[in-house]
Amino acid sequence: MNNLEKIQKTMKVFQTLTKIVLVFSFVAIAFTLVAGSVSLMADKLPFGELLQRLLIEADRTIDNREIGIALLCESVVLIFGAIETICVCRYFKLELSEGTPFTETGAKSITKLGILFIVVDILSAAFSSAMEKFAFVSEGIDNGGGIGIGICLILLAMVVRYGAELEQRGRAK
């Protein structure tokens, strides 16, 4: 088995893992939307008092409204993550169809992924900050990881682009 075959098998595994992550993302989005909605309507539901007793943290009672807004905000952040996952899944599909990661199309796709990770991370941080400021909700979400991943993807795209150039030179000879 040569290195390209190993890369292709690894990409196939990553594609499968990405699809699994995507399913979990959709499930998490559904759960946070439902839980946030239930928390916001807890006063009108028969189990509202029970829910309030369950939401005790460090001798401080958390308001149902605060929990509901936090969960709905978290669902938006999860939607951003699902968008990233969908784009990663598309990249793996493209790479597997081309048979090699070293193509100009693949390099452009990786660059777009890097930019997407940076932009989504900034949007997610801005959204979280706005919710903390205007809804008086303290989420405590760390949104810094996506920027680092985005920069690494852009750097990886340069390496892939160079590999594509070497491959084209090898074919020309």
Protein backbone atom coordinates (compact mmCIF):
# COMPACT_ATOMS: atom_id res chain seq x y z
CA MET A 1 0.00 0.00 0.00
CA ASN A 2 1.55 3.30 -1.07
CA ASN A 3 1.21 6.63 0.75
CA LEU A 4 -1.55 7.95 -1.49
CA GLU A 5 -3.69 4.89 -0.75
CA LYS A 6 -3.09 5.42 2.98
CA ILE A 7 -4.12 9.05 2.63
CA GLN A 8 -7.29 8.06 0.76
CA LYS A 9 -8.24 5.47 3.40
CA THR A 10 -7.60 8.03 6.14
CA MET A 11 -9.75 10.58 4.31
CA LYS A 12 -12.54 8.02 4.03
CA VAL A 13 -12.36 7.43 7.81
CA PHE A 14 -12.39 11.20 8.44
CA GLN A 15 -15.37 11.59 6.12
CA THR A 16 -17.25 8.95 8.11
CA LEU A 17 -16.31 10.58 11.41
CA THR A 18 -17.41 13.97 10.07
CA LYS A 19 -20.80 12.55 9.15
CA ILE A 20 -21.14 11.13 12.68
CA VAL A 21 -20.23 14.53 14.15
CA LEU A 22 -22.82 16.13 11.88
CA VAL A 23 -25.54 13.81 13.17
CA PHE A 24 -24.55 14.59 16.78
CA SER A 25 -24.58 18.31 15.91
CA PHE A 26 -28.15 18.11 14.64
CA VAL A 27 -29.22 16.13 17.71
CA ALA A 28 -27.54 18.66 20.02
CA ILE A 29 -29.20 21.54 18.16
CA ALA A 30 -32.60 19.90 18.55
CA PHE A 31 -32.06 19.19 22.25
CA THR A 32 -30.86 22.72 23.04
CA LEU A 33 -33.76 24.28 21.13
CA VAL A 34 -36.28 22.09 22.94
CA ALA A 35 -34.65 22.51 26.35
CA GLY A 36 -34.33 26.28 25.89
CA SER A 37 -37.96 26.58 24.85
CA VAL A 38 -39.12 24.45 27.77
CA SER A 39 -37.03 26.53 30.18
CA LEU A 40 -38.53 29.75 28.87
CA MET A 41 -42.05 28.35 29.23
CA ALA A 42 -41.38 26.60 32.54
CA ASP A 43 -43.59 28.99 34.51
CA LYS A 44 -46.56 27.97 32.37
CA LEU A 45 -45.85 24.25 32.59
CA PRO A 46 -46.93 21.98 35.45
CA PHE A 47 -43.35 20.92 36.22
CA GLY A 48 -41.96 24.47 36.36
CA GLU A 49 -41.37 24.36 40.11
CA LEU A 50 -39.55 21.03 39.82
CA LEU A 51 -37.37 22.44 37.05
CA GLN A 52 -36.52 25.45 39.19
CA ARG A 53 -35.42 23.17 42.05
CA LEU A 54 -33.20 21.21 39.65
CA LEU A 55 -31.49 24.40 38.44
CA ILE A 56 -29.65 25.24 41.64
CA GLU A 57 -25.99 26.08 41.28
CA ALA A 58 -23.59 26.93 44.15
CA ASP A 59 -26.34 28.15 46.52
CA ARG A 60 -27.63 30.49 43.82
CA THR A 61 -30.93 29.94 42.08
CA ILE A 62 -30.70 30.27 38.34
CA ASP A 63 -33.65 31.87 36.65
CA ASN A 64 -35.51 29.73 34.09
CA ARG A 65 -35.37 32.64 31.66
CA GLU A 66 -31.58 32.82 31.98
CA ILE A 67 -31.21 29.08 31.33
CA GLY A 68 -33.62 29.22 28.38
CA ILE A 69 -31.83 32.12 26.72
CA ALA A 70 -28.45 30.50 27.31
CA LEU A 71 -29.64 27.25 25.70
CA LEU A 72 -31.15 29.05 22.72
CA CYS A 73 -27.91 31.01 22.27
CA GLU A 74 -25.98 27.77 22.50
CA SER A 75 -28.16 26.30 19.75
CA VAL A 76 -27.11 29.17 17.46
CA VAL A 77 -23.44 28.46 18.23
CA LEU A 78 -24.10 24.77 17.49
CA ILE A 79 -25.68 25.74 14.16
CA PHE A 80 -22.46 27.60 13.29
CA GLY A 81 -20.51 24.45 14.13
CA ALA A 82 -22.84 22.34 11.98
CA ILE A 83 -22.21 24.68 9.04
CA GLU A 84 -18.47 24.15 9.48
CA THR A 85 -18.98 20.39 9.66
CA ILE A 86 -21.05 20.37 6.46
CA CYS A 87 -18.27 22.23 4.64
CA VAL A 88 -15.62 19.83 5.97
CA CYS A 89 -17.74 16.90 4.80
CA ARG A 90 -17.95 18.48 1.33
CA TYR A 91 -14.17 18.82 1.26
CA PHE A 92 -13.66 15.13 2.06
CA LYS A 93 -16.14 14.21 -0.67
CA LEU A 94 -14.23 16.41 -3.15
CA GLU A 95 -10.86 15.00 -2.12
CA LEU A 96 -12.05 11.41 -2.40
CA SER A 97 -13.58 12.03 -5.83
CA GLU A 98 -10.32 13.58 -7.12
CA GLY A 99 -8.23 10.72 -5.76
CA THR A 100 -5.51 12.94 -4.29
CA PRO A 101 -5.41 15.86 -1.88
CA PHE A 102 -2.82 17.62 -4.04
CA THR A 103 -5.02 19.51 -6.49
CA GLU A 104 -5.61 23.19 -7.07
CA THR A 105 -9.33 22.67 -6.36
CA GLY A 106 -8.49 20.95 -3.08
CA ALA A 107 -6.16 23.79 -2.07
CA LYS A 108 -8.87 26.37 -2.81
CA SER A 109 -11.35 24.33 -0.83
CA ILE A 110 -9.01 24.12 2.17
CA THR A 111 -8.40 27.88 1.99
CA LYS A 112 -12.15 28.49 1.98
CA LEU A 113 -12.50 26.16 4.97
CA GLY A 114 -9.83 28.10 6.85
CA ILE A 115 -11.53 31.40 6.14
CA LEU A 116 -14.89 29.89 7.10
CA PHE A 117 -13.53 28.68 10.44
CA ILE A 118 -12.16 32.14 11.22
CA VAL A 119 -15.34 33.97 10.16
CA VAL A 120 -17.67 31.56 11.97
CA ASP A 121 -15.55 31.80 15.10
CA ILE A 122 -15.70 35.59 15.02
CA LEU A 123 -19.47 35.54 14.39
CA SER A 124 -19.95 33.05 17.19
CA ALA A 125 -17.91 35.18 19.60
CA ALA A 126 -19.80 38.32 18.57
CA PHE A 127 -23.14 36.57 19.02
CA SER A 128 -22.15 35.21 22.44
CA SER A 129 -20.91 38.63 23.55
CA ALA A 130 -24.11 40.29 22.36
CA MET A 131 -26.19 37.78 24.28
CA GLU A 132 -24.14 38.36 27.42
CA LYS A 133 -24.59 42.11 27.08
CA PHE A 134 -28.22 42.41 26.00
CA ALA A 135 -29.83 39.33 27.53
CA PHE A 136 -27.79 39.46 30.74
CA VAL A 137 -26.71 35.88 30.17
CA SER A 138 -23.22 34.75 30.98
CA GLU A 139 -22.45 31.81 28.71
CA GLY A 140 -18.73 31.53 29.31
CA ILE A 141 -18.07 30.05 25.85
CA ASP A 142 -14.47 29.94 24.67
CA ASN A 143 -14.55 30.73 20.96
CA GLY A 144 -10.80 30.98 20.37
CA GLY A 145 -10.12 27.55 18.88
CA GLY A 146 -11.63 28.15 15.46
CA ILE A 147 -9.25 30.98 14.61
CA GLY A 148 -6.23 28.75 15.22
CA ILE A 149 -7.76 25.95 13.18
CA GLY A 150 -8.54 28.41 10.38
CA ILE A 151 -4.96 29.67 10.27
CA CYS A 152 -3.65 26.09 10.22
CA LEU A 153 -6.00 25.23 7.35
CA ILE A 154 -4.82 28.22 5.33
CA LEU A 155 -1.20 27.15 5.91
CA LEU A 156 -2.10 23.58 4.95
CA ALA A 157 -3.68 24.91 1.75
CA MET A 158 -0.31 26.41 0.81
CA VAL A 159 1.36 23.02 1.25
CA VAL A 160 -1.38 21.31 -0.78
CA ARG A 161 -1.07 23.93 -3.52
CA TYR A 162 2.70 23.34 -3.64
CA GLY A 163 2.08 19.58 -3.83
CA ALA A 164 -0.34 20.17 -6.72
CA GLU A 165 2.32 22.21 -8.54
CA LEU A 166 4.90 19.45 -8.05
CA GLU A 167 2.44 16.87 -9.30
CA GLN A 168 1.75 18.94 -12.44
CA ARG A 169 5.48 19.39 -13.06
CA GLY A 170 5.97 15.63 -12.73
CA ARG A 171 3.26 14.96 -15.29
CA ALA A 172 4.72 17.55 -17.70
CA LYS A 173 8.10 15.78 -17.76
